[in-house]
Protein backbone atom coordinates (compact mmCIF):
# COMPACT_ATOMS: atom_id res chain seq x y z
CA MET A 1 5.63 40.25 24.18
CA ALA A 2 8.41 39.59 21.68
CA LEU A 3 10.59 38.22 24.49
CA ALA A 4 7.86 35.82 25.57
CA VAL A 5 7.39 34.58 22.01
CA GLY A 6 11.14 34.05 21.69
CA ILE A 7 11.28 32.04 24.88
CA VAL A 8 8.37 29.84 23.78
CA HIS A 9 10.09 29.27 20.41
CA LEU A 10 13.35 28.35 22.13
CA ILE A 11 11.57 25.88 24.40
CA ARG A 12 9.89 24.26 21.41
CA VAL A 13 13.20 23.98 19.55
CA ARG A 14 14.85 22.36 22.56
CA GLN A 15 11.90 20.01 23.00
CA GLY A 16 12.25 19.04 19.33
CA MET A 17 15.96 18.41 19.78
CA VAL A 18 15.32 16.26 22.86
CA GLY A 19 12.65 14.35 20.98
CA ALA A 20 15.00 13.76 18.05
CA LEU A 21 17.73 12.57 20.39
CA LEU A 22 15.31 10.18 22.08
CA VAL A 23 14.25 8.79 18.71
CA PHE A 24 17.89 8.38 17.69
CA ALA A 25 18.81 6.74 21.00
CA THR A 26 15.84 4.38 20.78
CA GLY A 27 16.76 3.42 17.22
CA PHE A 28 20.39 2.88 18.23
CA VAL A 29 19.38 0.62 21.14
CA ILE A 30 17.08 -1.40 18.86
CA LEU A 31 19.88 -1.84 16.31
CA CYS A 32 22.26 -2.95 19.05
CA ILE A 33 19.74 -5.50 20.33
CA LEU A 34 19.17 -6.83 16.83
CA ASN A 35 22.89 -7.14 16.15
CA LEU A 36 23.69 -8.76 19.48
CA SER A 37 21.01 -11.38 18.92
CA LEU A 38 22.38 -14.85 18.20
CA GLY A 39 20.25 -15.42 15.13
CA ASP A 40 17.13 -17.55 15.41
CA LYS A 41 16.33 -19.96 18.24
CA GLN A 42 19.48 -21.78 19.37
CA ILE A 43 19.83 -25.27 20.82
CA ASP A 44 19.55 -24.83 24.58
CA ARG A 45 20.01 -28.40 25.85
CA PRO A 46 22.27 -31.37 25.07
CA LEU A 47 21.10 -33.76 22.35
CA ALA A 48 19.95 -37.31 23.08
CA ARG A 49 22.53 -39.92 22.13
CA ASN A 50 20.78 -42.25 19.68
CA TYR A 51 23.68 -43.67 17.67
CA SER A 52 27.46 -43.67 17.32
CA VAL A 53 29.49 -42.32 14.40
CA ASP A 54 30.02 -45.91 13.18
CA ASP A 55 26.28 -46.57 13.05
CA PRO A 56 24.77 -46.16 9.55
CA ALA A 57 22.03 -44.16 11.27
CA PHE A 58 24.57 -41.38 11.93
CA GLU A 59 25.36 -40.78 8.25
CA ARG A 60 21.70 -41.07 7.33
CA THR A 61 20.55 -38.70 10.08
CA VAL A 62 23.27 -36.10 9.49
CA GLY A 63 22.39 -36.03 5.80
CA ALA A 64 18.67 -35.69 6.51
CA VAL A 65 18.86 -33.12 9.32
CA LEU A 66 21.53 -30.97 7.67
CA THR A 67 19.74 -31.35 4.30
CA ARG A 68 22.80 -32.59 2.39
CA ASP A 69 23.57 -36.26 1.69
CA LEU A 70 27.20 -37.27 1.45
CA VAL A 71 28.42 -37.81 -2.11
CA GLY A 72 31.23 -40.17 -3.04
CA GLY A 73 34.06 -39.97 -5.55
CA ASN A 74 36.08 -37.13 -4.03
CA HIS A 75 39.78 -36.46 -3.48
CA ILE A 76 40.97 -34.03 -0.79
CA ARG A 77 44.52 -32.76 -0.44
CA THR A 78 45.64 -31.37 2.91
CA LEU A 79 47.62 -28.12 2.67
CA LEU A 80 49.68 -27.21 5.72
CA ASN A 81 50.58 -23.56 6.28
CA GLY A 82 51.11 -20.84 3.72
CA ASP A 83 54.02 -22.57 2.00
CA GLU A 84 51.57 -25.21 0.75
CA ILE A 85 48.28 -23.28 0.80
CA PHE A 86 49.05 -20.25 -1.33
CA PRO A 87 51.07 -21.90 -4.14
CA ALA A 88 48.26 -24.43 -4.66
CA MET A 89 45.57 -21.74 -4.77
CA LEU A 90 47.54 -19.39 -7.03
CA SER A 91 48.48 -22.22 -9.40
CA SER A 92 44.81 -23.11 -9.75
CA LEU A 93 43.89 -19.46 -10.41
CA ARG A 94 46.55 -19.13 -13.07
CA GLY A 95 45.20 -22.20 -14.83
CA ALA A 96 41.56 -21.11 -14.79
CA ARG A 97 39.79 -21.21 -18.16
CA ARG A 98 36.10 -20.49 -17.52
CA SER A 99 35.28 -19.24 -14.03
CA ILE A 100 36.61 -18.28 -10.61
CA THR A 101 34.49 -17.78 -7.52
CA PHE A 102 36.13 -16.56 -4.34
CA GLU A 103 34.68 -15.71 -0.91
CA THR A 104 36.58 -14.79 2.23
CA TYR A 105 36.48 -12.82 5.43
CA ILE A 106 40.12 -11.67 5.61
CA PHE A 107 41.58 -10.18 2.43
CA TRP A 108 44.31 -7.63 3.02
CA SER A 109 46.24 -5.80 0.34
CA SER A 110 49.51 -7.18 1.68
CA THR A 111 52.13 -9.06 -0.32
CA ILE A 112 50.07 -12.23 -0.72
CA GLY A 113 46.93 -10.14 -1.29
CA THR A 114 48.69 -8.42 -4.19
CA GLU A 115 49.50 -11.81 -5.72
CA PHE A 116 45.84 -12.85 -5.58
CA GLU A 117 44.74 -9.51 -7.04
CA ALA A 118 47.17 -10.02 -9.92
CA ALA A 119 45.93 -13.57 -10.50
CA PHE A 120 42.28 -12.42 -10.56
CA THR A 121 43.14 -9.61 -12.97
CA ALA A 122 45.12 -11.82 -15.33
CA ALA A 123 42.32 -14.39 -15.40
CA ALA A 124 39.68 -11.77 -16.22
CA LYS A 125 41.84 -10.37 -19.03
CA ARG A 126 41.98 -13.78 -20.69
CA GLY A 127 38.19 -14.09 -20.59
CA VAL A 128 37.58 -15.97 -17.33
CA GLN A 129 34.49 -14.93 -15.36
CA VAL A 130 35.85 -13.84 -11.96
CA LYS A 131 33.53 -13.24 -8.99
CA VAL A 132 35.15 -12.04 -5.76
CA LEU A 133 33.12 -11.62 -2.55
CA VAL A 134 34.92 -10.13 0.46
CA ASP A 135 33.38 -9.31 3.82
CA TRP A 136 32.91 -5.57 4.34
CA ILE A 137 34.55 -5.67 7.78
CA GLY A 138 37.22 -8.33 7.22
CA GLY A 139 38.45 -6.98 3.90
CA GLU A 140 41.08 -4.26 3.89
CA LEU A 141 41.46 -3.63 0.18
CA VAL A 142 43.20 -0.68 -1.42
CA GLU A 143 40.55 1.11 -3.50
CA GLU A 144 42.81 1.83 -6.48
CA ARG A 145 43.69 -1.88 -6.70
CA VAL A 146 40.03 -2.81 -6.57
CA GLU A 147 39.37 -0.38 -9.41
CA ARG A 148 42.16 -1.94 -11.48
CA MET A 149 40.60 -5.37 -10.97
CA ARG A 150 37.18 -4.06 -11.95
CA GLU A 151 38.58 -2.35 -15.03
CA ALA A 152 40.04 -5.72 -16.07
CA GLY A 153 36.63 -7.36 -15.69
CA VAL A 154 36.83 -8.78 -12.13
CA GLU A 155 33.52 -8.43 -10.30
CA VAL A 156 34.40 -7.43 -6.72
CA ARG A 157 31.61 -7.14 -4.16
CA LEU A 158 31.58 -6.51 -0.41
CA TYR A 159 29.38 -8.73 1.72
CA ASN A 160 26.82 -6.96 3.91
CA ALA A 161 28.11 -3.45 3.41
CA PRO A 162 26.06 -1.08 5.62
CA ARG A 163 22.76 0.08 4.14
CA TRP A 164 19.81 1.61 5.93
CA ASN A 165 17.58 -1.40 5.26
CA THR A 166 20.14 -3.99 6.49
CA LEU A 167 21.50 -2.32 9.63
CA GLY A 168 19.52 -4.75 11.77
CA ARG A 169 21.73 -7.62 10.60
CA PHE A 170 25.00 -5.71 10.32
CA ASN A 171 26.62 -8.13 12.77
CA ASN A 172 26.10 -10.98 10.29
CA ARG A 173 29.43 -11.43 8.49
CA THR A 174 30.59 -13.97 5.97
CA HIS A 175 33.39 -15.91 7.59
CA ARG A 176 33.44 -18.51 4.77
CA LYS A 177 36.73 -19.21 3.02
CA LEU A 178 35.84 -20.66 -0.36
CA MET A 179 37.42 -20.72 -3.79
CA VAL A 180 36.22 -22.71 -6.80
CA VAL A 181 37.97 -22.71 -10.18
CA ASP A 182 36.15 -23.75 -13.36
CA GLY A 183 33.53 -25.39 -11.15
CA THR A 184 35.82 -28.42 -10.81
CA VAL A 185 38.47 -27.62 -8.19
CA GLY A 186 37.62 -26.22 -4.77
CA PHE A 187 39.47 -24.86 -1.77
CA ILE A 188 38.17 -24.60 1.80
CA GLY A 189 39.70 -24.17 5.23
CA GLY A 190 40.76 -21.61 7.79
CA ALA A 191 43.36 -19.47 6.03
CA GLY A 192 42.72 -15.83 5.17
CA ILE A 193 44.47 -13.83 2.49
CA ALA A 194 47.08 -12.03 4.57
CA ASP A 195 50.80 -12.32 5.19
CA ASP A 196 50.16 -13.76 8.68
CA TRP A 197 49.41 -17.08 6.97
CA ARG A 198 52.58 -17.12 4.84
CA GLY A 199 55.56 -19.34 5.58
CA ASN A 200 55.57 -22.60 7.53
CA ALA A 201 54.62 -21.54 11.07
CA GLN A 202 58.33 -21.09 11.71
CA ASP A 203 57.97 -18.12 14.06
CA ALA A 204 55.44 -15.83 15.72
CA GLN A 205 54.95 -13.80 12.54
CA HIS A 206 53.86 -16.84 10.50
CA TRP A 207 50.74 -18.60 11.72
CA ARG A 208 49.89 -22.29 11.84
CA GLY A 209 46.98 -22.96 9.48
CA THR A 210 45.41 -25.73 7.40
CA HIS A 211 43.49 -25.51 4.14
CA PHE A 212 42.23 -28.17 1.73
CA GLN A 213 42.06 -28.65 -2.03
CA VAL A 214 38.99 -30.59 -3.17
CA ASP A 215 38.28 -32.45 -6.44
CA GLY A 216 35.17 -34.42 -7.30
CA PRO A 217 31.38 -34.14 -7.15
CA VAL A 218 31.31 -32.36 -3.75
CA VAL A 219 32.88 -29.30 -5.43
CA ALA A 220 29.37 -28.49 -6.73
CA GLN A 221 28.26 -28.12 -3.11
CA LEU A 222 31.16 -25.76 -2.39
CA GLN A 223 30.07 -23.73 -5.39
CA SER A 224 26.49 -23.76 -4.15
CA ALA A 225 27.62 -22.18 -0.86
CA PHE A 226 29.31 -19.37 -2.77
CA ILE A 227 26.34 -18.88 -5.11
CA ASP A 228 24.06 -18.51 -2.08
CA ASN A 229 25.89 -15.44 -0.76
CA TRP A 230 26.63 -14.03 -4.22
CA LEU A 231 22.91 -14.13 -4.99
CA LYS A 232 22.08 -12.43 -1.67
CA THR A 233 24.66 -9.72 -2.38
CA THR A 234 24.14 -9.08 -6.09
CA GLY A 235 20.85 -10.68 -7.10
CA GLU A 236 22.72 -12.59 -9.83
CA PRO A 237 22.22 -16.38 -10.02
CA LEU A 238 25.27 -18.25 -11.30
CA ASP A 239 23.52 -21.14 -12.98
CA SER A 240 25.57 -21.64 -16.15
CA PRO A 241 27.83 -24.64 -16.92
CA ALA A 242 30.83 -22.34 -16.50
CA PHE A 243 30.13 -22.43 -12.75
CA LEU A 244 28.30 -25.75 -12.41
CA PRO A 245 29.74 -28.24 -14.93
CA ALA A 246 29.14 -31.98 -14.88
CA LEU A 247 31.58 -33.54 -12.41
CA THR A 248 33.11 -37.00 -12.44
CA SER A 249 34.75 -39.11 -9.76
CA ALA A 250 38.20 -37.95 -8.64
CA GLY A 251 38.77 -40.29 -5.69
CA SER A 252 37.11 -42.46 -3.07
CA LEU A 253 36.06 -40.07 -0.31
CA ALA A 254 32.45 -39.50 0.76
CA ALA A 255 31.82 -35.88 1.73
CA HIS A 256 29.33 -33.05 1.82
CA THR A 257 29.49 -29.29 2.25
CA PHE A 258 27.58 -27.65 5.09
CA ALA A 259 26.95 -23.91 4.76
CA SER A 260 25.47 -22.26 7.84
CA SER A 261 23.74 -18.94 8.37
CA PRO A 262 22.04 -17.08 11.26
CA ARG A 263 18.71 -18.53 10.20
CA GLY A 264 19.44 -21.46 12.54
CA GLY A 265 17.37 -24.65 12.21
CA SER A 266 18.95 -27.04 9.72
CA LYS A 267 21.43 -24.27 8.81
CA SER A 268 22.93 -24.32 12.32
CA MET A 269 26.68 -24.97 12.64
CA GLN A 270 26.01 -25.51 16.33
CA LEU A 271 23.79 -28.47 15.40
CA LEU A 272 26.52 -30.05 13.26
CA TYR A 273 29.07 -29.94 16.09
CA LEU A 274 26.66 -31.11 18.78
CA MET A 275 25.49 -34.07 16.65
CA SER A 276 29.10 -35.05 15.96
CA ILE A 277 30.26 -34.84 19.59
CA THR A 278 27.16 -36.58 20.93
CA ALA A 279 27.74 -39.52 18.56
CA ALA A 280 31.39 -39.98 19.62
CA ALA A 281 32.22 -43.33 21.20
CA ARG A 282 36.05 -43.40 21.28
CA SER A 283 37.80 -40.12 20.50
CA ILE A 284 37.42 -36.44 19.65
CA ASP A 285 40.42 -34.47 18.38
CA LEU A 286 39.59 -30.76 18.01
CA SER A 287 41.90 -28.11 16.59
CA ALA A 288 40.26 -24.83 17.54
CA ALA A 289 41.61 -21.37 16.77
CA TYR A 290 38.85 -19.78 18.86
CA PHE A 291 37.35 -22.09 21.47
CA VAL A 292 34.58 -20.53 23.57
CA PRO A 293 31.94 -23.23 24.09
CA ASP A 294 28.58 -22.24 25.51
CA GLU A 295 26.93 -24.10 28.36
CA VAL A 296 25.36 -26.71 26.09
CA ALA A 297 28.64 -27.41 24.29
CA VAL A 298 30.47 -27.71 27.62
CA GLU A 299 27.87 -30.17 28.89
CA THR A 300 28.12 -32.17 25.66
CA LEU A 301 31.92 -32.38 25.81
CA VAL A 302 31.82 -33.27 29.52
CA ALA A 303 29.29 -36.02 28.84
CA ALA A 304 31.52 -37.43 26.10
CA ALA A 305 34.55 -37.50 28.39
CA ARG A 306 32.58 -39.13 31.20
CA ARG A 307 31.38 -41.97 28.97
CA GLY A 308 35.01 -42.77 28.16
CA VAL A 309 35.64 -40.75 25.00
CA ARG A 310 39.19 -39.40 24.81
CA VAL A 311 38.72 -35.67 24.14
CA ARG A 312 41.80 -33.68 23.07
CA ILE A 313 41.67 -29.98 22.18
CA ILE A 314 44.47 -27.77 20.84
CA VAL A 315 44.03 -24.01 21.24
CA PRO A 316 46.34 -21.00 20.82
CA GLY A 317 48.88 -20.31 23.54
CA PRO A 318 51.07 -17.25 24.10
CA TYR A 319 50.54 -15.98 20.54
CA MET A 320 46.87 -15.09 20.28
CA ASP A 321 45.45 -12.33 18.09
CA GLN A 322 42.26 -11.95 20.17
CA GLU A 323 43.17 -11.86 23.85
CA SER A 324 39.58 -11.27 24.98
CA VAL A 325 38.57 -14.53 23.28
CA GLN A 326 41.40 -16.35 25.05
CA HIS A 327 40.25 -15.03 28.44
CA ALA A 328 36.67 -16.08 27.69
CA SER A 329 37.89 -19.52 26.64
CA ARG A 330 39.91 -20.14 29.80
CA ALA A 331 36.94 -19.13 31.92
CA VAL A 332 35.03 -22.29 30.88
CA TRP A 333 37.88 -24.82 31.09
CA GLU A 334 37.36 -25.93 34.68
CA PRO A 335 34.44 -28.37 34.16
CA LEU A 336 36.08 -29.71 31.01
CA LEU A 337 39.38 -30.44 32.73
CA ALA A 338 37.60 -31.88 35.77
CA ALA A 339 35.82 -34.35 33.47
CA GLY A 340 39.09 -35.45 31.86
CA VAL A 341 39.09 -33.36 28.69
CA GLN A 342 42.69 -32.76 27.60
CA ILE A 343 43.46 -29.17 26.58
CA TYR A 344 46.74 -28.11 25.01
CA GLU A 345 48.07 -24.63 24.23
CA PHE A 346 50.12 -24.32 21.03
CA GLN A 347 53.37 -22.48 21.75
CA PRO A 348 55.35 -21.61 18.57
CA THR A 349 52.91 -19.16 16.92
CA MET A 350 49.24 -18.31 16.49
CA PHE A 351 47.27 -21.56 16.04
CA HIS A 352 44.56 -20.97 13.43
CA CYS A 353 43.40 -24.50 12.58
CA LYS A 354 39.72 -25.50 12.48
CA VAL A 355 39.40 -29.27 12.20
CA MET A 356 37.56 -31.87 14.30
CA VAL A 357 37.99 -35.64 13.98
CA VAL A 358 35.53 -37.99 15.71
CA ASP A 359 36.18 -41.70 16.31
CA GLY A 360 38.86 -41.79 13.62
CA THR A 361 36.13 -41.77 10.96
CA TRP A 362 34.25 -38.47 10.78
CA VAL A 363 35.99 -35.17 10.00
CA THR A 364 34.56 -31.67 9.87
CA LEU A 365 36.83 -28.92 8.55
CA GLY A 366 36.45 -25.41 7.24
CA SER A 367 35.95 -21.85 8.45
CA SER A 368 33.90 -22.44 11.59
CA ASN A 369 35.27 -21.61 15.01
CA PHE A 370 33.99 -23.28 18.16
CA ASP A 371 32.16 -20.23 19.50
CA ALA A 372 28.85 -18.40 19.45
CA ARG A 373 29.72 -16.18 16.48
CA SER A 374 30.41 -19.12 14.20
CA PHE A 375 27.55 -21.19 15.58
CA SER A 376 24.92 -18.46 15.47
CA ILE A 377 25.86 -15.19 13.75
CA ASN A 378 28.37 -15.68 10.93
CA ASP A 379 27.90 -17.34 7.57
CA GLU A 380 30.27 -20.33 7.69
CA ALA A 381 31.16 -23.26 5.43
CA ASN A 382 32.53 -26.63 6.51
CA LEU A 383 33.32 -29.78 4.57
CA ASN A 384 32.35 -33.02 6.31
CA VAL A 385 34.22 -36.19 5.33
CA TYR A 386 33.28 -39.74 6.32
CA ASP A 387 36.40 -41.81 5.72
CA ALA A 388 38.81 -43.59 8.09
CA THR A 389 41.88 -43.09 5.91
CA PHE A 390 41.34 -39.35 5.57
CA ALA A 391 40.57 -39.15 9.30
CA ALA A 392 43.84 -40.94 10.09
CA GLU A 393 45.70 -38.36 8.01
CA GLN A 394 44.12 -35.54 10.02
CA ILE A 395 44.90 -37.27 13.33
CA ALA A 396 48.54 -37.55 12.23
CA VAL A 397 48.58 -33.77 11.59
CA PHE A 398 46.93 -33.20 14.98
CA GLU A 399 49.55 -35.30 16.77
CA ARG A 400 52.40 -33.49 15.03
CA ASP A 401 50.97 -30.26 16.42
CA LEU A 402 50.69 -31.98 19.80
CA THR A 403 54.39 -32.75 20.26
CA PRO A 404 55.92 -31.56 23.57
CA ALA A 405 58.01 -29.03 21.68
CA ALA A 406 54.87 -27.40 20.28
CA CYS A 407 52.18 -27.77 22.96
CA ARG A 408 51.73 -27.42 26.71
CA ASP A 409 49.23 -29.65 28.45
CA ILE A 410 46.81 -27.92 30.83
CA GLU A 411 45.86 -29.62 34.10
CA LEU A 412 43.59 -28.74 36.98
CA VAL A 413 45.56 -28.25 40.21
CA GLU A 414 44.14 -27.86 43.72
CA SER A 415 45.86 -25.52 46.20
CA ALA A 416 44.89 -24.00 49.53
CA LEU A 417 43.21 -20.64 49.20
CA LEU A 418 45.48 -17.96 50.62
CA ASP A 419 44.13 -14.91 52.41
CA GLY A 420 43.32 -12.19 49.91
CA ALA A 421 44.34 -14.30 46.92
CA ALA A 422 40.88 -15.07 45.56
CA ASP A 423 41.11 -12.61 42.68
CA ARG A 424 44.83 -12.89 41.99
CA PRO A 425 46.94 -15.53 40.23
CA CYS A 426 47.47 -18.59 42.36
CA ILE A 427 50.95 -18.55 43.89
CA ARG A 428 51.10 -22.15 45.13
CA ALA A 429 50.45 -24.99 42.76
CA ARG A 430 52.00 -28.38 42.10
CA GLY A 431 54.50 -28.60 39.26
CA ILE A 432 54.37 -24.96 38.17
CA SER A 433 57.56 -23.51 36.69
CA THR A 434 58.43 -19.83 37.09
CA MET A 435 58.03 -19.35 33.33
CA THR A 436 54.47 -20.64 33.32
CA THR A 437 51.37 -18.45 33.40
CA VAL A 438 48.85 -19.68 35.98
CA TYR A 439 45.14 -18.92 35.91
CA VAL A 440 42.70 -19.16 38.82
CA VAL A 441 39.07 -20.24 38.82
CA LEU A 442 37.65 -19.92 42.32
CA ASP A 443 35.33 -22.64 43.59
CA ARG A 444 33.49 -20.61 46.22
CA THR A 445 31.51 -23.52 47.64
CA SER A 446 34.56 -25.52 48.72
CA ARG A 447 36.70 -22.43 49.37
CA ARG A 448 39.49 -23.93 47.30
CA SER A 449 41.25 -22.24 44.41
CA ARG A 450 41.45 -24.28 41.23
CA CYS A 451 44.44 -23.38 39.07
CA LEU A 452 44.72 -24.02 35.36
CA ALA A 453 48.38 -24.82 34.86
CA PRO A 454 50.45 -26.09 31.92
CA ARG A 455 52.26 -29.30 32.70
């Protein structure tokens, strides 16, 4: 009898364990589904082309749809590579008198990270309100240094740190790169706080990157983007004049800040890029650190090229920190190249720029990549500028990056399909040097191999 009771008890225990495992597995699957979701409803078809960038309707519509009108009176300074980016940012921090707000994805306790930590600490000790928001995944901070900053009065918070009630949106990261000092001077762009961005892109250990210093009324919109995520993280509204002072004209540029989130709708970075590309009439120059367009973006770029728009795209070449992204990018190049889109791979080092210029008039710059994460999952912030002179400056930077010494042009080459070669690199292609990497996309309907080859 005792043996029978023991067996029944054991069966019940095992059944309970199986049930618990099933509950855990079900919960895990649900969390994975929630985190792999691309936010709210995404745009699933190309936009109608109702105006060009030069048409006043474009500025009016962009302002209305993206819920931010352009404001005039701004000055924007272009900062190329770490040798210009970090001295400008640190100088501004060291001159702060009332407030510092800082939000980033990458913040590593490397040499340059230590300099920023020291600048935050010194500012807090002299009475400046310092708010630092670093992504929980992207930040690699040394705890004892964080404690020293906090002891000095720096408020350091981690964005979307894992909690039981937020696990369903754990995949949502802040990828914004914002800094505002005294509510009057702002910084935005693609550079993280790590030694990879130091130097002047002189070798593979020093990346090519661009950041921007902003003065004028649009700085309030940069601050608003920071306040949005600070409020979500801490519950503290930053509504005092120390953070939002009255701002006066500092230049002649019309601009607005666009802060996106996974909520989609008017907060969609995807919408901003599709509206801009659809309105292009003459040219699109895109510097893209991570370029993985979805089907709608490919169709939109192809349509632009086919109506006569010159489309040029610079992407990373042999130095790429995310090889899987590079493979995914190359997989969608064929229709773009076939339509006449010009794609160039940057050779000297990792290319981490994130700027698009349309028709020599409209510029969007900031943290956003040209991929599904930036368009649908991350929190991003871009600055949009409507000015021909500023656009010309960015085109000049683009063309310096485009020099033959720095970039390789990619072309689509036809070659006969060799027996057994369908899934291997193409071995016969026109104009291919032995030092060049060749990639194959198989067109199974025509039984021809189509090779993507630098020229």
